[in-house]
Amino acid sequence: MVLTFGQYSTLAAMRRCVTREQLAAQTSFDQLMVKYYIMVLLSNGLVAASYDEEDNDLCYKLTDAGVDCIQDYERSNPELTIRRMVY
């Protein structure tokens, strides 16, 4: 899958299991945009949803395919890479 910068930003924010609200705060995208990106990334197998009993909410986390996709994006677009910690 070829990522847009918005999809890349969303994936990069999902290094740990995050809720929609946390994702919106980390990316500065509105809820509608976050919902859209999650739907696209879920349908392409780049993220997985799980229920967090502690927070009583759905959270989203990268799959192995999502990590590979981020790494491919960063190799192809080093000038657009978001500084981050190692996975």
PDB file of N, CA and C in Angstrom:
ATOM      1  N   MET A   1       0.843  -1.184   0.000  1.00  0.00           N
ATOM      2  CA  MET A   1       0.000   0.000   0.000  1.00  0.00           C
ATOM      3  C   MET A   1       0.886   1.244   0.000  1.00  0.00           C
ATOM      4  N   VAL A   2       0.561   2.199  -0.816  1.00  0.00           N
ATOM      5  CA  VAL A   2       1.258   3.481  -0.831  1.00  0.00           C
ATOM      6  C   VAL A   2       0.559   4.391   0.175  1.00  0.00           C
ATOM      7  N   LEU A   3       1.318   4.878   1.150  1.00  0.00           N
ATOM      8  CA  LEU A   3       0.751   5.712   2.212  1.00  0.00           C
ATOM      9  C   LEU A   3       0.745   7.183   1.841  1.00  0.00           C
ATOM     10  N   THR A   4      -0.293   7.874   2.278  1.00  0.00           N
ATOM     11  CA  THR A   4      -0.281   9.333   2.260  1.00  0.00           C
ATOM     12  C   THR A   4       0.415   9.788   3.536  1.00  0.00           C
ATOM     13  N   PHE A   5       0.768  11.064   3.610  1.00  0.00           N
ATOM     14  CA  PHE A   5       1.394  11.555   4.837  1.00  0.00           C
ATOM     15  C   PHE A   5       0.431  11.436   6.020  1.00  0.00           C
ATOM     16  N   GLY A   6      -0.856  11.659   5.788  1.00  0.00           N
ATOM     17  CA  GLY A   6      -1.847  11.523   6.859  1.00  0.00           C
ATOM     18  C   GLY A   6      -1.926  10.105   7.388  1.00  0.00           C
ATOM     19  N   GLN A   7      -1.896   9.129   6.484  1.00  0.00           N
ATOM     20  CA  GLN A   7      -1.918   7.729   6.913  1.00  0.00           C
ATOM     21  C   GLN A   7      -0.637   7.387   7.669  1.00  0.00           C
ATOM     22  N   TYR A   8       0.479   7.872   7.166  1.00  0.00           N
ATOM     23  CA  TYR A   8       1.753   7.652   7.848  1.00  0.00           C
ATOM     24  C   TYR A   8       1.723   8.262   9.252  1.00  0.00           C
ATOM     25  N   SER A   9       1.236   9.492   9.377  1.00  0.00           N
ATOM     26  CA  SER A   9       1.155  10.156  10.683  1.00  0.00           C
ATOM     27  C   SER A   9       0.292   9.353  11.644  1.00  0.00           C
ATOM     28  N   THR A  10      -0.806   8.832  11.134  1.00  0.00           N
ATOM     29  CA  THR A  10      -1.712   8.034  11.961  1.00  0.00           C
ATOM     30  C   THR A  10      -1.027   6.749  12.406  1.00  0.00           C
ATOM     31  N   LEU A  11      -0.379   6.062  11.484  1.00  0.00           N
ATOM     32  CA  LEU A  11       0.339   4.836  11.844  1.00  0.00           C
ATOM     33  C   LEU A  11       1.444   5.119  12.858  1.00  0.00           C
ATOM     34  N   ALA A  12       2.198   6.186  12.640  1.00  0.00           N
ATOM     35  CA  ALA A  12       3.300   6.517  13.542  1.00  0.00           C
ATOM     36  C   ALA A  12       2.802   6.786  14.960  1.00  0.00           C
ATOM     37  N   ALA A  13       1.596   7.302  15.094  1.00  0.00           N
ATOM     38  CA  ALA A  13       1.022   7.575  16.416  1.00  0.00           C
ATOM     39  C   ALA A  13       0.520   6.308  17.096  1.00  0.00           C
ATOM     40  N   MET A  14       0.450   5.202  16.359  1.00  0.00           N
ATOM     41  CA  MET A  14      -0.087   3.946  16.895  1.00  0.00           C
ATOM     42  C   MET A  14       1.004   2.977  17.336  1.00  0.00           C
ATOM     43  N   ARG A  15       2.149   3.471  17.719  1.00  0.00           N
ATOM     44  CA  ARG A  15       3.211   2.572  18.188  1.00  0.00           C
ATOM     45  C   ARG A  15       2.739   1.777  19.393  1.00  0.00           C
ATOM     46  N   ARG A  16       1.960   2.412  20.215  1.00  0.00           N
ATOM     47  CA  ARG A  16       1.329   1.738  21.359  1.00  0.00           C
ATOM     48  C   ARG A  16      -0.168   1.743  21.111  1.00  0.00           C
ATOM     49  N   CYS A  17      -0.872   0.945  21.859  1.00  0.00           N
ATOM     50  CA  CYS A  17      -2.328   0.874  21.719  1.00  0.00           C
ATOM     51  C   CYS A  17      -2.935   2.228  22.115  1.00  0.00           C
ATOM     52  N   VAL A  18      -3.638   2.872  21.184  1.00  0.00           N
ATOM     53  CA  VAL A  18      -4.226   4.188  21.435  1.00  0.00           C
ATOM     54  C   VAL A  18      -5.710   4.183  21.086  1.00  0.00           C
ATOM     55  N   THR A  19      -6.460   5.020  21.782  1.00  0.00           N
ATOM     56  CA  THR A  19      -7.880   5.196  21.487  1.00  0.00           C
ATOM     57  C   THR A  19      -8.028   6.253  20.397  1.00  0.00           C
ATOM     58  N   ARG A  20      -9.237   6.396  19.887  1.00  0.00           N
ATOM     59  CA  ARG A  20      -9.487   7.437  18.870  1.00  0.00           C
ATOM     60  C   ARG A  20      -9.170   8.826  19.412  1.00  0.00           C
ATOM     61  N   GLU A  21      -9.554   9.074  20.661  1.00  0.00           N
ATOM     62  CA  GLU A  21      -9.318  10.389  21.257  1.00  0.00           C
ATOM     63  C   GLU A  21      -7.823  10.667  21.385  1.00  0.00           C
ATOM     64  N   GLN A  22      -7.067   9.666  21.826  1.00  0.00           N
ATOM     65  CA  GLN A  22      -5.618   9.835  21.947  1.00  0.00           C
ATOM     66  C   GLN A  22      -4.987  10.053  20.574  1.00  0.00           C
ATOM     67  N   LEU A  23      -5.490   9.331  19.597  1.00  0.00           N
ATOM     68  CA  LEU A  23      -4.981   9.468  18.236  1.00  0.00           C
ATOM     69  C   LEU A  23      -5.255  10.860  17.679  1.00  0.00           C
ATOM     70  N   ALA A  24      -6.449  11.382  17.927  1.00  0.00           N
ATOM     71  CA  ALA A  24      -6.791  12.732  17.476  1.00  0.00           C
ATOM     72  C   ALA A  24      -5.861  13.761  18.127  1.00  0.00           C
ATOM     73  N   ALA A  25      -5.579  13.584  19.409  1.00  0.00           N
ATOM     74  CA  ALA A  25      -4.701  14.516  20.114  1.00  0.00           C
ATOM     75  C   ALA A  25      -3.268  14.437  19.587  1.00  0.00           C
ATOM     76  N   GLN A  26      -2.787  13.234  19.302  1.00  0.00           N
ATOM     77  CA  GLN A  26      -1.405  13.059  18.842  1.00  0.00           C
ATOM     78  C   GLN A  26      -1.196  13.536  17.408  1.00  0.00           C
ATOM     79  N   THR A  27      -2.215  13.423  16.578  1.00  0.00           N
ATOM     80  CA  THR A  27      -2.070  13.788  15.167  1.00  0.00           C
ATOM     81  C   THR A  27      -2.613  15.170  14.833  1.00  0.00           C
ATOM     82  N   SER A  28      -3.415  15.732  15.718  1.00  0.00           N
ATOM     83  CA  SER A  28      -4.113  17.008  15.491  1.00  0.00           C
ATOM     84  C   SER A  28      -5.153  16.905  14.381  1.00  0.00           C
ATOM     85  N   PHE A  29      -5.607  15.684  14.074  1.00  0.00           N
ATOM     86  CA  PHE A  29      -6.692  15.481  13.111  1.00  0.00           C
ATOM     87  C   PHE A  29      -8.012  15.514  13.859  1.00  0.00           C
ATOM     88  N   ASP A  30      -9.078  15.947  13.181  1.00  0.00           N
ATOM     89  CA  ASP A  30     -10.390  15.918  13.831  1.00  0.00           C
ATOM     90  C   ASP A  30     -10.905  14.475  13.872  1.00  0.00           C
ATOM     91  N   GLN A  31     -11.974  14.264  14.647  1.00  0.00           N
ATOM     92  CA  GLN A  31     -12.506  12.916  14.862  1.00  0.00           C
ATOM     93  C   GLN A  31     -12.936  12.238  13.557  1.00  0.00           C
ATOM     94  N   LEU A  32     -13.497  12.996  12.635  1.00  0.00           N
ATOM     95  CA  LEU A  32     -13.934  12.424  11.362  1.00  0.00           C
ATOM     96  C   LEU A  32     -12.742  11.897  10.559  1.00  0.00           C
ATOM     97  N   MET A  33     -11.667  12.667  10.521  1.00  0.00           N
ATOM     98  CA  MET A  33     -10.468  12.245   9.800  1.00  0.00           C
ATOM     99  C   MET A  33      -9.841  11.022  10.465  1.00  0.00           C
ATOM    100  N   VAL A  34      -9.786  11.018  11.791  1.00  0.00           N
ATOM    101  CA  VAL A  34      -9.234   9.874  12.521  1.00  0.00           C
ATOM    102  C   VAL A  34     -10.060   8.624  12.228  1.00  0.00           C
ATOM    103  N   LYS A  35     -11.376   8.764  12.260  1.00  0.00           N
ATOM    104  CA  LYS A  35     -12.261   7.625  11.981  1.00  0.00           C
ATOM    105  C   LYS A  35     -12.009   7.081  10.573  1.00  0.00           C
ATOM    106  N   TYR A  36     -11.857   7.971   9.601  1.00  0.00           N
ATOM    107  CA  TYR A  36     -11.598   7.566   8.218  1.00  0.00           C
ATOM    108  C   TYR A  36     -10.265   6.827   8.107  1.00  0.00           C
ATOM    109  N   TYR A  37      -9.201   7.406   8.679  1.00  0.00           N
ATOM    110  CA  TYR A  37      -7.888   6.767   8.590  1.00  0.00           C
ATOM    111  C   TYR A  37      -7.890   5.404   9.275  1.00  0.00           C
ATOM    112  N   ILE A  38      -8.538   5.299  10.422  1.00  0.00           N
ATOM    113  CA  ILE A  38      -8.612   4.008  11.109  1.00  0.00           C
ATOM    114  C   ILE A  38      -9.310   2.981  10.225  1.00  0.00           C
ATOM    115  N   MET A  39     -10.410   3.369   9.609  1.00  0.00           N
ATOM    116  CA  MET A  39     -11.159   2.455   8.744  1.00  0.00           C
ATOM    117  C   MET A  39     -10.279   1.956   7.590  1.00  0.00           C
ATOM    118  N   VAL A  40      -9.565   2.871   6.937  1.00  0.00           N
ATOM    119  CA  VAL A  40      -8.701   2.501   5.811  1.00  0.00           C
ATOM    120  C   VAL A  40      -7.565   1.595   6.277  1.00  0.00           C
ATOM    121  N   LEU A  41      -6.930   1.946   7.379  1.00  0.00           N
ATOM    122  CA  LEU A  41      -5.792   1.173   7.868  1.00  0.00           C
ATOM    123  C   LEU A  41      -6.216  -0.202   8.373  1.00  0.00           C
ATOM    124  N   LEU A  42      -7.389  -0.286   9.010  1.00  0.00           N
ATOM    125  CA  LEU A  42      -7.927  -1.585   9.433  1.00  0.00           C
ATOM    126  C   LEU A  42      -8.212  -2.472   8.222  1.00  0.00           C
ATOM    127  N   SER A  43      -8.841  -1.902   7.206  1.00  0.00           N
ATOM    128  CA  SER A  43      -9.219  -2.692   6.031  1.00  0.00           C
ATOM    129  C   SER A  43      -8.006  -3.182   5.244  1.00  0.00           C
ATOM    130  N   ASN A  44      -6.868  -2.514   5.403  1.00  0.00           N
ATOM    131  CA  ASN A  44      -5.638  -2.936   4.730  1.00  0.00           C
ATOM    132  C   ASN A  44      -4.731  -3.775   5.630  1.00  0.00           C
ATOM    133  N   GLY A  45      -5.194  -4.076   6.839  1.00  0.00           N
ATOM    134  CA  GLY A  45      -4.442  -4.936   7.745  1.00  0.00           C
ATOM    135  C   GLY A  45      -3.217  -4.302   8.367  1.00  0.00           C
ATOM    136  N   LEU A  46      -3.160  -2.973   8.385  1.00  0.00           N
ATOM    137  CA  LEU A  46      -1.992  -2.288   8.941  1.00  0.00           C
ATOM    138  C   LEU A  46      -2.133  -2.000  10.429  1.00  0.00           C
ATOM    139  N   VAL A  47      -3.355  -2.008  10.931  1.00  0.00           N
ATOM    140  CA  VAL A  47      -3.619  -1.850  12.361  1.00  0.00           C
ATOM    141  C   VAL A  47      -4.652  -2.888  12.785  1.00  0.00           C
ATOM    142  N   ALA A  48      -4.682  -3.138  14.085  1.00  0.00           N
ATOM    143  CA  ALA A  48      -5.662  -4.061  14.653  1.00  0.00           C
ATOM    144  C   ALA A  48      -6.364  -3.359  15.806  1.00  0.00           C
ATOM    145  N   ALA A  49      -7.624  -3.692  15.996  1.00  0.00           N
ATOM    146  CA  ALA A  49      -8.407  -3.121  17.095  1.00  0.00           C
ATOM    147  C   ALA A  49      -8.508  -4.153  18.210  1.00  0.00           C
ATOM    148  N   SER A  50      -8.460  -3.671  19.438  1.00  0.00           N
ATOM    149  CA  SER A  50      -8.669  -4.549  20.589  1.00  0.00           C
ATOM    150  C   SER A  50      -9.396  -3.759  21.666  1.00  0.00           C
ATOM    151  N   TYR A  51     -10.038  -4.489  22.553  1.00  0.00           N
ATOM    152  CA  TYR A  51     -10.793  -3.847  23.620  1.00  0.00           C
ATOM    153  C   TYR A  51      -9.907  -3.745  24.843  1.00  0.00           C
ATOM    154  N   ASP A  52      -9.742  -2.534  25.352  1.00  0.00           N
ATOM    155  CA  ASP A  52      -8.945  -2.285  26.551  1.00  0.00           C
ATOM    156  C   ASP A  52      -9.888  -2.249  27.744  1.00  0.00           C
ATOM    157  N   GLU A  53      -9.871  -3.315  28.537  1.00  0.00           N
ATOM    158  CA  GLU A  53     -10.784  -3.401  29.679  1.00  0.00           C
ATOM    159  C   GLU A  53     -10.481  -2.346  30.733  1.00  0.00           C
ATOM    160  N   GLU A  54      -9.216  -1.987  30.872  1.00  0.00           N
ATOM    161  CA  GLU A  54      -8.831  -0.988  31.868  1.00  0.00           C
ATOM    162  C   GLU A  54      -9.457   0.368  31.564  1.00  0.00           C
ATOM    163  N   ASP A  55      -9.399   0.779  30.294  1.00  0.00           N
ATOM    164  CA  ASP A  55      -9.967   2.065  29.886  1.00  0.00           C
ATOM    165  C   ASP A  55     -11.399   1.939  29.395  1.00  0.00           C
ATOM    166  N   ASN A  56     -11.880   0.699  29.260  1.00  0.00           N
ATOM    167  CA  ASN A  56     -13.244   0.443  28.790  1.00  0.00           C
ATOM    168  C   ASN A  56     -13.488   1.097  27.429  1.00  0.00           C
ATOM    169  N   ASP A  57     -12.532   0.888  26.507  1.00  0.00           N
ATOM    170  CA  ASP A  57     -12.602   1.532  25.196  1.00  0.00           C
ATOM    171  C   ASP A  57     -11.857   0.685  24.169  1.00  0.00           C
ATOM    172  N   LEU A  58     -12.156   0.907  22.896  1.00  0.00           N
ATOM    173  CA  LEU A  58     -11.399   0.273  21.817  1.00  0.00           C
ATOM    174  C   LEU A  58     -10.065   0.980  21.668  1.00  0.00           C
ATOM    175  N   CYS A  59      -9.028   0.209  21.422  1.00  0.00           N
ATOM    176  CA  CYS A  59      -7.743   0.826  21.119  1.00  0.00           C
ATOM    177  C   CYS A  59      -7.187   0.182  19.855  1.00  0.00           C
ATOM    178  N   TYR A  60      -6.290   0.896  19.221  1.00  0.00           N
ATOM    179  CA  TYR A  60      -5.750   0.501  17.926  1.00  0.00           C
ATOM    180  C   TYR A  60      -4.239   0.427  18.021  1.00  0.00           C
ATOM    181  N   LYS A  61      -3.679  -0.604  17.388  1.00  0.00           N
ATOM    182  CA  LYS A  61      -2.245  -0.846  17.467  1.00  0.00           C
ATOM    183  C   LYS A  61      -1.740  -1.341  16.118  1.00  0.00           C
ATOM    184  N   LEU A  62      -0.483  -1.045  15.825  1.00  0.00           N
ATOM    185  CA  LEU A  62       0.142  -1.487  14.580  1.00  0.00           C
ATOM    186  C   LEU A  62       0.213  -3.001  14.497  1.00  0.00           C
ATOM    187  N   THR A  63       0.030  -3.522  13.306  1.00  0.00           N
ATOM    188  CA  THR A  63       0.326  -4.922  13.026  1.00  0.00           C
ATOM    189  C   THR A  63       1.747  -4.982  12.475  1.00  0.00           C
ATOM    190  N   ASP A  64       2.259  -6.178  12.264  1.00  0.00           N
ATOM    191  CA  ASP A  64       3.585  -6.310  11.658  1.00  0.00           C
ATOM    192  C   ASP A  64       3.606  -5.669  10.271  1.00  0.00           C
ATOM    193  N   ALA A  65       2.505  -5.826   9.536  1.00  0.00           N
ATOM    194  CA  ALA A  65       2.410  -5.204   8.208  1.00  0.00           C
ATOM    195  C   ALA A  65       2.441  -3.682   8.324  1.00  0.00           C
ATOM    196  N   GLY A  66       1.846  -3.135   9.383  1.00  0.00           N
ATOM    197  CA  GLY A  66       1.869  -1.695   9.616  1.00  0.00           C
ATOM    198  C   GLY A  66       3.273  -1.190   9.895  1.00  0.00           C
ATOM    199  N   VAL A  67       4.024  -1.943  10.697  1.00  0.00           N
ATOM    200  CA  VAL A  67       5.416  -1.575  10.987  1.00  0.00           C
ATOM    201  C   VAL A  67       6.230  -1.600   9.697  1.00  0.00           C
ATOM    202  N   ASP A  68       6.045  -2.644   8.887  1.00  0.00           N
ATOM    203  CA  ASP A  68       6.758  -2.734   7.604  1.00  0.00           C
ATOM    204  C   ASP A  68       6.415  -1.556   6.699  1.00  0.00           C
ATOM    205  N   CYS A  69       5.148  -1.173   6.685  1.00  0.00           N
ATOM    206  CA  CYS A  69       4.690  -0.074   5.840  1.00  0.00           C
ATOM    207  C   CYS A  69       5.333   1.250   6.278  1.00  0.00           C
ATOM    208  N   ILE A  70       5.413   1.475   7.586  1.00  0.00           N
ATOM    209  CA  ILE A  70       6.069   2.679   8.107  1.00  0.00           C
ATOM    210  C   ILE A  70       7.538   2.696   7.682  1.00  0.00           C
ATOM    211  N   GLN A  71       8.210   1.572   7.845  1.00  0.00           N
ATOM    212  CA  GLN A  71       9.627   1.508   7.498  1.00  0.00           C
ATOM    213  C   GLN A  71       9.845   1.754   6.007  1.00  0.00           C
ATOM    214  N   ASP A  72       8.987   1.195   5.162  1.00  0.00           N
ATOM    215  CA  ASP A  72       9.077   1.439   3.717  1.00  0.00           C
ATOM    216  C   ASP A  72       8.870   2.917   3.402  1.00  0.00           C
ATOM    217  N   TYR A  73       7.871   3.531   4.050  1.00  0.00           N
ATOM    218  CA  TYR A  73       7.585   4.957   3.835  1.00  0.00           C
ATOM    219  C   TYR A  73       8.796   5.802   4.219  1.00  0.00           C
ATOM    220  N   GLU A  74       9.397   5.488   5.372  1.00  0.00           N
ATOM    221  CA  GLU A  74      10.519   6.285   5.861  1.00  0.00           C
ATOM    222  C   GLU A  74      11.757   6.126   4.987  1.00  0.00           C
ATOM    223  N   ARG A  75      11.962   4.945   4.431  1.00  0.00           N
ATOM    224  CA  ARG A  75      13.087   4.755   3.501  1.00  0.00           C
ATOM    225  C   ARG A  75      12.861   5.548   2.214  1.00  0.00           C
ATOM    226  N   SER A  76      11.616   5.596   1.759  1.00  0.00           N
ATOM    227  CA  SER A  76      11.290   6.285   0.506  1.00  0.00           C
ATOM    228  C   SER A  76      11.163   7.794   0.658  1.00  0.00           C
ATOM    229  N   ASN A  77      10.847   8.259   1.868  1.00  0.00           N
ATOM    230  CA  ASN A  77      10.575   9.683   2.112  1.00  0.00           C
ATOM    231  C   ASN A  77      11.314  10.176   3.359  1.00  0.00           C
ATOM    232  N   PRO A  78      12.634  10.127   3.390  1.00  0.00           N
ATOM    233  CA  PRO A  78      13.345  10.501   4.619  1.00  0.00           C
ATOM    234  C   PRO A  78      13.090  11.941   5.057  1.00  0.00           C
ATOM    235  N   GLU A  79      12.792  12.813   4.116  1.00  0.00           N
ATOM    236  CA  GLU A  79      12.540  14.217   4.476  1.00  0.00           C
ATOM    237  C   GLU A  79      11.193  14.399   5.178  1.00  0.00           C
ATOM    238  N   LEU A  80      10.296  13.431   5.072  1.00  0.00           N
ATOM    239  CA  LEU A  80       8.976  13.526   5.704  1.00  0.00           C
ATOM    240  C   LEU A  80       8.852  12.665   6.955  1.00  0.00           C
ATOM    241  N   THR A  81       9.940  12.054   7.382  1.00  0.00           N
ATOM    242  CA  THR A  81       9.910  11.155   8.529  1.00  0.00           C
ATOM    243  C   THR A  81       9.632  11.921   9.813  1.00  0.00           C
ATOM    244  N   ILE A  82       8.714  11.387  10.610  1.00  0.00           N
ATOM    245  CA  ILE A  82       8.418  11.950  11.927  1.00  0.00           C
ATOM    246  C   ILE A  82       9.420  11.354  12.900  1.00  0.00           C
ATOM    247  N   ARG A  83      10.117  12.217  13.625  1.00  0.00           N
ATOM    248  CA  ARG A  83      11.091  11.715  14.602  1.00  0.00           C
ATOM    249  C   ARG A  83      10.349  10.917  15.656  1.00  0.00           C
ATOM    250  N   ARG A  84      10.918   9.763  15.972  1.00  0.00           N
ATOM    251  CA  ARG A  84      10.248   8.867  16.893  1.00  0.00           C
ATOM    252  C   ARG A  84      11.273   8.005  17.600  1.00  0.00           C
ATOM    253  N   MET A  85      10.788   7.287  18.595  1.00  0.00           N
ATOM    254  CA  MET A  85      11.624   6.326  19.284  1.00  0.00           C
ATOM    255  C   MET A  85      11.650   5.036  18.465  1.00  0.00           C
ATOM    256  N   VAL A  86      12.637   4.211  18.711  1.00  0.00           N
ATOM    257  CA  VAL A  86      12.748   2.923  18.024  1.00  0.00           C
ATOM    258  C   VAL A  86      11.601   2.024  18.458  1.00  0.00           C
ATOM    259  N   TYR A  87      11.062   1.255  17.518  1.00  0.00           N
ATOM    260  CA  TYR A  87       9.942   0.348  17.809  1.00  0.00           C
ATOM    261  C   TYR A  87      10.349  -0.750  18.736  1.00  0.00           C
TER     262      TYR A  87
END
